[in-house]
Amino acid sequence: MQRLNPTKTTKVLSILFALFLFFSGCSSEEVVTCDPVPGQISPTIITDAVPNDSDDPAIWIDYSNPENSLIIGTDKDEDNGGLYVFDLAGKLVPGRSVTGIKKPNNVDVEYGLMVGGALTDIAVCTERNTSEIRVFRLPEMQAIDGGGISVFAGQSNREPMGVSLYKRPSDGAIFAIVSRKSGPSGAYLWQYRLQDNGNGQVTGTKVREFGVFSGGDNEIEAVAVDDQLGYIYYSDEKSGIRKYHADPDHPNAANQLAVFGTSDFANEREGISIFPTSDSTGYILISDQQANTFNIYKREGEATDANQHTRLKAAVLSTCGSDGSEAVNISLNSTFPNGLFVAMSEGGVFHYYPWEDVAGDDL
């Protein structure tokens, strides 16, 4: 855990990042710059650093004792990537992290998958260099996938990147929605039902292909599911945020419901987080990576309303080049009494923000 002097910390990060660019020979057009911004919000906690390249966090809530909740963050190294597990003080939890994963990009958490006759909380990540997704039992972080679940079988472009989990309220079925490095419009994302194979291992069965894609020098990585309202959101990075029904059996599952955030970003739309304030209201937060801010939109809106998901503001946080983020809306401890927002930042770390700091006085 690091308690911060925000001005000093930001200046040091900027100098180190500039030195990295100089020695690596990268042009300014290829990178995210992280100069100090007046009024930016500093995190309460910065985690221990992962060894290589942090990318995306997920939050597991221990509902029996919220103070024991965990943050799981990816380290997307090519050969020895991992899922690193932190406590609410930002410290690595001994014995919980999983290494040896070949370039895990994104991770998500879901509650209550029936495995081995017991309801089991799971963390699922993409393993890009093996074209698989991985499934781990929480909070132990024990692999329960038989070594991995193959995705995008038969495709020429199979590198999975984003993943988000959906639990259908009618029957408790759990699905993984997976994006990839490249794919065709209309079938860019594939959705898999996760189930026990009868031997206590999780398998995945493809249930649909979907997803409009704008094409060009672009990709789709960030995916988020609103379990309560039953929607999927994903970042068509240089075009907008697209919305679909999460239930593959919904009669309108094949049709795009909305696209928003088409003109509010410096360049790439990245991580998506959902912060409910009631059963139907709340906020959708999306990383404006090159601007080092998070655009915040209204969560509510009817599927037929072309003006749904109004942009409310840009939150100027201290993250640098943030790819992924996650939010929860329950009280976890005295540091996060109204919820927690976690975002990846350059330097192999994740930033923790109390929700009230992100919301400010105008939400």
Protein backbone atom coordinates (compact mmCIF):
# COMPACT_ATOMS: atom_id res chain seq x y z
CA MET A 1 0.00 0.00 0.00
CA GLN A 2 1.18 3.52 -0.78
CA ARG A 3 -0.23 6.67 0.79
CA LEU A 4 0.37 9.38 -1.74
CA ASN A 5 1.64 12.87 -2.20
CA PRO A 6 -0.27 13.30 -5.48
CA THR A 7 1.84 16.09 -6.98
CA LYS A 8 5.18 14.42 -6.22
CA THR A 9 3.98 10.98 -7.29
CA THR A 10 2.56 12.19 -10.60
CA LYS A 11 5.75 14.11 -11.45
CA VAL A 12 7.91 11.06 -10.72
CA LEU A 13 5.68 8.84 -12.87
CA SER A 14 5.79 11.34 -15.72
CA ILE A 15 9.61 11.52 -15.61
CA LEU A 16 9.98 7.74 -15.52
CA PHE A 17 7.53 7.31 -18.37
CA ALA A 18 9.31 9.93 -20.48
CA LEU A 19 12.63 8.14 -19.92
CA PHE A 20 11.02 4.87 -21.00
CA LEU A 21 9.80 6.48 -24.23
CA PHE A 22 13.19 7.97 -24.96
CA PHE A 23 15.05 4.69 -24.60
CA SER A 24 12.41 2.58 -26.32
CA GLY A 25 12.19 4.88 -29.33
CA CYS A 26 8.38 5.12 -29.22
CA SER A 27 6.72 8.09 -30.83
CA SER A 28 4.28 10.27 -28.88
CA GLU A 29 1.46 9.10 -31.20
CA GLU A 30 1.87 5.48 -30.03
CA VAL A 31 1.67 6.04 -26.29
CA VAL A 32 -0.42 7.52 -23.54
CA THR A 33 1.15 10.51 -21.79
CA CYS A 34 0.61 11.06 -18.09
CA ASP A 35 1.31 14.69 -17.29
CA PRO A 36 -0.24 16.09 -14.10
CA VAL A 37 -3.73 17.54 -14.53
CA PRO A 38 -5.05 20.28 -12.22
CA GLY A 39 -7.75 18.97 -9.92
CA GLN A 40 -7.14 15.30 -10.61
CA ILE A 41 -8.29 12.88 -7.93
CA SER A 42 -5.64 10.83 -6.17
CA PRO A 43 -6.31 7.21 -5.17
CA THR A 44 -6.60 6.27 -1.52
CA ILE A 45 -4.49 3.18 -2.18
CA ILE A 46 -2.10 1.96 -4.88
CA THR A 47 -1.51 -1.78 -4.92
CA ASP A 48 1.75 -3.63 -4.84
CA ALA A 49 3.08 -3.85 -8.39
CA VAL A 50 2.76 -6.97 -10.52
CA PRO A 51 6.03 -8.16 -12.13
CA ASN A 52 5.28 -7.15 -15.70
CA ASP A 53 2.20 -5.45 -17.18
CA SER A 54 -1.05 -4.85 -15.30
CA ASP A 55 -4.18 -4.74 -17.45
CA ASP A 56 -7.58 -5.39 -15.84
CA PRO A 57 -9.07 -5.85 -12.33
CA ALA A 58 -12.09 -7.65 -10.91
CA ILE A 59 -13.56 -7.46 -7.41
CA TRP A 60 -14.75 -10.47 -5.41
CA ILE A 61 -17.06 -9.52 -2.54
CA ASP A 62 -17.01 -11.71 0.54
CA TYR A 63 -20.65 -11.16 1.48
CA SER A 64 -20.21 -12.87 4.85
CA ASN A 65 -17.37 -10.50 5.75
CA PRO A 66 -16.91 -7.66 3.23
CA GLU A 67 -13.61 -6.61 4.82
CA ASN A 68 -12.13 -9.83 3.43
CA SER A 69 -13.09 -9.01 -0.16
CA LEU A 70 -10.40 -9.38 -2.81
CA ILE A 71 -9.19 -7.59 -5.94
CA ILE A 72 -7.90 -9.83 -8.74
CA GLY A 73 -5.67 -8.14 -11.31
CA THR A 74 -4.16 -9.47 -14.52
CA ASP A 75 -0.49 -9.34 -15.46
CA LYS A 76 -0.43 -9.94 -19.21
CA ASP A 77 3.12 -11.19 -19.67
CA GLU A 78 3.53 -13.39 -22.77
CA ASP A 79 4.79 -16.51 -20.96
CA ASN A 80 4.55 -15.95 -17.22
CA GLY A 81 1.47 -13.81 -16.86
CA GLY A 82 -0.81 -14.20 -13.92
CA LEU A 83 -3.79 -13.35 -11.79
CA TYR A 84 -2.54 -11.41 -8.77
CA VAL A 85 -4.75 -11.23 -5.70
CA PHE A 86 -4.80 -8.16 -3.45
CA ASP A 87 -6.59 -7.31 -0.22
CA LEU A 88 -8.42 -4.04 0.40
CA ALA A 89 -5.18 -2.46 1.61
CA GLY A 90 -3.57 -3.12 -1.77
CA LYS A 91 -1.24 -5.83 -0.49
CA LEU A 92 -0.68 -9.13 -2.29
CA VAL A 93 -2.41 -11.99 -0.48
CA PRO A 94 0.12 -14.80 0.15
CA GLY A 95 -0.59 -18.05 -1.65
CA ARG A 96 -3.50 -16.80 -3.74
CA SER A 97 -1.93 -15.47 -6.95
CA VAL A 98 -1.74 -17.74 -10.01
CA THR A 99 1.20 -17.49 -12.42
CA GLY A 100 2.26 -19.24 -15.61
CA ILE A 101 -0.73 -17.97 -17.60
CA LYS A 102 0.21 -17.00 -21.14
CA LYS A 103 -0.91 -13.39 -21.56
CA PRO A 104 -4.11 -13.02 -19.55
CA ASN A 105 -5.84 -9.84 -20.68
CA ASN A 106 -9.12 -9.42 -18.80
CA VAL A 107 -10.77 -11.01 -15.78
CA ASP A 108 -14.27 -11.09 -14.29
CA VAL A 109 -16.04 -12.59 -11.29
CA GLU A 110 -19.42 -14.30 -10.87
CA TYR A 111 -21.19 -15.90 -7.93
CA GLY A 112 -22.86 -19.29 -7.52
CA LEU A 113 -21.92 -21.63 -10.37
CA MET A 114 -22.88 -25.21 -9.47
CA VAL A 115 -19.61 -27.19 -9.47
CA GLY A 116 -19.19 -30.55 -7.79
CA GLY A 117 -22.60 -30.23 -6.21
CA ALA A 118 -21.82 -26.92 -4.50
CA LEU A 119 -22.48 -23.29 -5.45
CA THR A 120 -19.08 -21.87 -6.34
CA ASP A 121 -17.84 -18.32 -6.90
CA ILE A 122 -15.53 -18.09 -9.89
CA ALA A 123 -12.94 -15.84 -11.52
CA VAL A 124 -12.58 -16.20 -15.30
CA CYS A 125 -9.77 -14.73 -17.38
CA THR A 126 -8.77 -14.86 -21.02
CA GLU A 127 -5.49 -16.59 -21.90
CA ARG A 128 -4.62 -14.90 -25.14
CA ASN A 129 -1.64 -16.97 -26.27
CA THR A 130 -3.46 -20.31 -25.91
CA SER A 131 -6.87 -19.17 -27.28
CA GLU A 132 -8.56 -20.25 -24.06
CA ILE A 133 -10.40 -18.91 -21.07
CA ARG A 134 -9.42 -20.04 -17.56
CA VAL A 135 -11.76 -20.66 -14.61
CA PHE A 136 -10.71 -20.50 -10.94
CA ARG A 137 -12.63 -21.20 -7.74
CA LEU A 138 -12.85 -18.26 -5.34
CA PRO A 139 -11.48 -17.34 -2.91
CA GLU A 140 -8.89 -20.15 -3.12
CA MET A 141 -7.98 -19.38 -6.77
CA GLN A 142 -7.98 -23.10 -7.55
CA ALA A 143 -8.17 -24.00 -11.26
CA ILE A 144 -11.40 -25.91 -12.05
CA ASP A 145 -11.30 -25.88 -15.86
CA GLY A 146 -9.18 -28.95 -16.66
CA GLY A 147 -6.41 -26.69 -17.95
CA GLY A 148 -8.47 -24.30 -20.05
CA ILE A 149 -11.59 -23.89 -22.22
CA SER A 150 -10.93 -23.37 -25.94
CA VAL A 151 -12.63 -20.35 -27.55
CA PHE A 152 -13.24 -19.20 -31.14
CA ALA A 153 -12.66 -22.72 -32.44
CA GLY A 154 -12.24 -22.92 -36.20
CA GLN A 155 -11.51 -19.20 -36.59
CA SER A 156 -8.39 -17.65 -38.06
CA ASN A 157 -8.46 -14.90 -35.40
CA ARG A 158 -8.67 -16.65 -32.03
CA GLU A 159 -6.81 -14.42 -29.52
CA PRO A 160 -9.28 -13.80 -26.67
CA MET A 161 -8.97 -10.45 -24.91
CA GLY A 162 -12.03 -9.27 -23.02
CA VAL A 163 -14.35 -11.38 -20.87
CA SER A 164 -17.43 -10.65 -18.79
CA LEU A 165 -19.79 -13.00 -16.96
CA TYR A 166 -23.59 -12.99 -16.91
CA LYS A 167 -25.86 -14.88 -14.49
CA ARG A 168 -29.39 -15.36 -15.80
CA PRO A 169 -31.86 -14.74 -12.97
CA SER A 170 -34.52 -17.17 -14.21
CA ASP A 171 -32.40 -20.32 -13.82
CA GLY A 172 -29.00 -19.25 -12.48
CA ALA A 173 -27.20 -20.20 -15.70
CA ILE A 174 -23.81 -18.50 -16.04
CA PHE A 175 -22.34 -17.36 -19.34
CA ALA A 176 -18.96 -15.96 -20.43
CA ILE A 177 -18.99 -13.31 -23.15
CA VAL A 178 -15.57 -13.23 -24.84
CA SER A 179 -14.07 -10.66 -27.22
CA ARG A 180 -10.92 -11.08 -29.29
CA LYS A 181 -8.06 -9.20 -30.89
CA SER A 182 -9.74 -9.20 -34.31
CA GLY A 183 -12.99 -10.48 -35.74
CA PRO A 184 -15.87 -9.90 -38.17
CA SER A 185 -18.76 -7.50 -37.60
CA GLY A 186 -21.83 -9.39 -36.47
CA ALA A 187 -19.82 -12.23 -34.90
CA TYR A 188 -16.95 -10.50 -33.13
CA LEU A 189 -18.00 -11.72 -29.66
CA TRP A 190 -18.87 -15.31 -28.73
CA GLN A 191 -20.92 -16.33 -25.73
CA TYR A 192 -20.39 -19.59 -23.81
CA ARG A 193 -22.48 -21.29 -21.15
CA LEU A 194 -20.29 -22.49 -18.27
CA GLN A 195 -21.26 -25.81 -16.66
CA ASP A 196 -19.88 -28.65 -14.57
CA ASN A 197 -18.98 -31.62 -16.78
CA GLY A 198 -20.07 -34.04 -14.07
CA ASN A 199 -16.55 -34.45 -12.69
CA GLY A 200 -16.19 -31.14 -10.91
CA GLN A 201 -14.60 -29.38 -13.90
CA VAL A 202 -16.07 -26.42 -15.78
CA THR A 203 -16.63 -26.62 -19.53
CA GLY A 204 -17.93 -24.04 -21.99
CA THR A 205 -20.57 -24.51 -24.69
CA LYS A 206 -20.95 -21.82 -27.35
CA VAL A 207 -24.48 -20.43 -27.46
CA ARG A 208 -24.17 -17.50 -29.88
CA GLU A 209 -22.00 -15.18 -31.97
CA PHE A 210 -22.88 -11.48 -32.07
CA GLY A 211 -21.54 -7.95 -32.03
CA VAL A 212 -21.39 -5.09 -34.52
CA PHE A 213 -17.84 -3.94 -35.20
CA SER A 214 -16.83 -0.71 -36.94
CA GLY A 215 -13.68 -2.24 -38.47
CA GLY A 216 -10.53 -0.42 -39.49
CA ASP A 217 -7.58 0.14 -37.18
CA ASN A 218 -9.62 -0.85 -34.18
CA GLU A 219 -10.51 -3.71 -31.85
CA ILE A 220 -12.94 -4.76 -29.13
CA GLU A 221 -11.48 -5.59 -25.72
CA ALA A 222 -13.56 -4.21 -22.86
CA VAL A 223 -16.84 -6.03 -22.14
CA ALA A 224 -19.12 -5.50 -19.13
CA VAL A 225 -22.41 -7.09 -18.11
CA ASP A 226 -25.14 -5.48 -16.04
CA ASP A 227 -26.57 -8.57 -14.32
CA GLN A 228 -29.51 -6.74 -12.75
CA LEU A 229 -30.79 -5.21 -15.97
CA GLY A 230 -29.56 -7.95 -18.30
CA TYR A 231 -27.42 -5.93 -20.71
CA ILE A 232 -23.97 -6.32 -22.27
CA TYR A 233 -21.85 -3.27 -23.06
CA TYR A 234 -18.63 -3.38 -25.05
CA SER A 235 -16.10 -0.84 -26.29
CA ASP A 236 -15.76 -0.63 -30.06
CA GLU A 237 -12.61 1.26 -29.29
CA LYS A 238 -12.61 4.05 -31.87
CA SER A 239 -16.35 4.13 -32.54
CA GLY A 240 -18.58 3.90 -29.46
CA ILE A 241 -20.05 1.80 -26.69
CA ARG A 242 -22.45 -0.86 -27.99
CA LYS A 243 -25.30 -2.47 -26.05
CA TYR A 244 -27.05 -5.86 -26.39
CA HIS A 245 -29.26 -8.13 -24.32
CA ALA A 246 -27.14 -10.48 -22.20
CA ASP A 247 -29.55 -13.41 -22.32
CA PRO A 248 -28.76 -15.39 -25.51
CA ASP A 249 -32.37 -16.66 -25.54
CA HIS A 250 -33.92 -13.19 -25.45
CA PRO A 251 -36.16 -12.73 -28.54
CA ASN A 252 -34.20 -9.58 -29.41
CA ALA A 253 -30.76 -10.99 -28.57
CA ALA A 254 -29.37 -10.56 -32.10
CA ASN A 255 -30.08 -6.83 -32.34
CA GLN A 256 -27.96 -3.94 -31.15
CA LEU A 257 -29.97 -1.87 -28.68
CA ALA A 258 -27.90 1.31 -28.55
CA VAL A 259 -24.57 2.90 -29.30
CA PHE A 260 -23.32 5.84 -27.26
CA GLY A 261 -20.09 7.62 -26.41
CA THR A 262 -19.42 8.26 -30.09
CA SER A 263 -17.91 11.73 -29.65
CA ASP A 264 -16.72 12.00 -26.06
CA PHE A 265 -13.26 10.38 -26.28
CA ALA A 266 -9.77 11.50 -27.25
CA ASN A 267 -9.16 8.22 -29.07
CA GLU A 268 -9.75 4.78 -27.55
CA ARG A 269 -12.65 3.62 -25.38
CA GLU A 270 -11.35 1.08 -22.90
CA GLY A 271 -12.49 -0.44 -19.58
CA ILE A 272 -16.18 -0.37 -18.65
CA SER A 273 -17.57 -0.44 -15.10
CA ILE A 274 -21.16 -0.35 -13.84
CA PHE A 275 -22.11 1.28 -10.54
CA PRO A 276 -25.78 0.73 -9.61
CA THR A 277 -27.47 3.18 -7.23
CA SER A 278 -30.80 1.30 -7.25
CA ASP A 279 -32.37 -1.57 -9.17
CA SER A 280 -32.51 0.54 -12.33
CA THR A 281 -30.45 3.71 -11.81
CA GLY A 282 -26.73 4.33 -11.55
CA TYR A 283 -23.70 4.99 -13.69
CA ILE A 284 -21.58 3.46 -16.46
CA LEU A 285 -17.91 4.46 -16.32
CA ILE A 286 -15.67 4.11 -19.38
CA SER A 287 -11.94 4.79 -19.60
CA ASP A 288 -10.94 7.53 -22.04
CA GLN A 289 -7.45 6.09 -22.22
CA GLN A 290 -5.55 8.83 -24.04
CA ALA A 291 -7.18 11.58 -21.97
CA ASN A 292 -6.52 9.74 -18.68
CA THR A 293 -10.11 10.32 -17.58
CA PHE A 294 -13.29 8.27 -17.12
CA ASN A 295 -16.46 9.33 -18.89
CA ILE A 296 -19.52 8.70 -16.73
CA TYR A 297 -22.93 8.00 -18.29
CA LYS A 298 -26.39 7.40 -16.88
CA ARG A 299 -27.07 3.70 -16.45
CA GLU A 300 -30.83 3.93 -16.95
CA GLY A 301 -32.66 4.23 -20.25
CA GLU A 302 -35.22 2.26 -22.20
CA ALA A 303 -33.87 0.07 -24.98
CA THR A 304 -35.83 2.05 -27.57
CA ASP A 305 -34.64 5.46 -26.35
CA ALA A 306 -32.07 6.83 -28.78
CA ASN A 307 -30.91 9.33 -26.16
CA GLN A 308 -30.32 6.86 -23.35
CA HIS A 309 -27.06 6.80 -21.39
CA THR A 310 -26.54 10.55 -21.25
CA ARG A 311 -22.97 11.60 -20.47
CA LEU A 312 -22.85 13.26 -17.06
CA LYS A 313 -19.19 14.18 -16.61
CA ALA A 314 -15.56 13.13 -16.99
CA ALA A 315 -13.87 12.04 -13.77
CA VAL A 316 -10.23 13.13 -13.76
CA LEU A 317 -8.40 10.46 -11.80
CA SER A 318 -4.67 9.89 -11.32
CA THR A 319 -4.57 6.70 -13.40
CA CYS A 320 -2.23 6.67 -16.37
CA GLY A 321 -3.38 4.97 -19.59
CA SER A 322 -6.04 2.90 -17.87
CA ASP A 323 -7.16 -0.20 -19.77
CA GLY A 324 -9.48 -1.85 -17.24
CA SER A 325 -11.59 -1.00 -14.21
CA GLU A 326 -14.28 -2.37 -11.89
CA ALA A 327 -16.74 -0.96 -9.37
CA VAL A 328 -18.91 -2.26 -6.53
CA ASN A 329 -21.63 -0.36 -4.70
CA ILE A 330 -21.59 -1.92 -1.22
CA SER A 331 -19.81 -0.87 1.96
CA LEU A 332 -16.60 -2.89 2.25
CA ASN A 333 -14.87 -1.28 5.23
CA SER A 334 -14.25 2.12 6.81
CA THR A 335 -12.02 3.14 3.88
CA PHE A 336 -14.68 2.30 1.30
CA PRO A 337 -18.01 2.88 3.10
CA ASN A 338 -20.01 3.70 -0.04
CA GLY A 339 -18.39 1.41 -2.59
CA LEU A 340 -15.11 1.01 -4.42
CA PHE A 341 -13.76 1.89 -7.87
CA VAL A 342 -10.57 0.07 -8.96
CA ALA A 343 -8.65 0.98 -12.10
CA MET A 344 -5.47 -0.26 -13.74
CA SER A 345 -2.64 2.24 -14.18
CA GLU A 346 0.75 2.18 -15.86
CA GLY A 347 3.56 0.93 -13.65
CA GLY A 348 2.05 -2.52 -13.05
CA VAL A 349 -0.40 -1.30 -10.41
CA PHE A 350 -4.09 -0.79 -9.66
CA HIS A 351 -5.59 2.30 -8.02
CA TYR A 352 -8.36 2.13 -5.37
CA TYR A 353 -10.82 5.02 -5.07
CA PRO A 354 -13.69 5.40 -2.60
CA TRP A 355 -16.83 5.82 -4.67
CA GLU A 356 -17.61 9.23 -3.17
CA ASP A 357 -14.27 10.54 -4.49
CA VAL A 358 -15.16 9.47 -8.04
CA ALA A 359 -18.73 10.76 -7.81
CA GLY A 360 -17.76 14.11 -6.32
CA ASP A 361 -20.51 16.62 -5.54
CA ASP A 362 -22.27 16.43 -8.91
CA LEU A 363 -23.43 12.79 -9.02
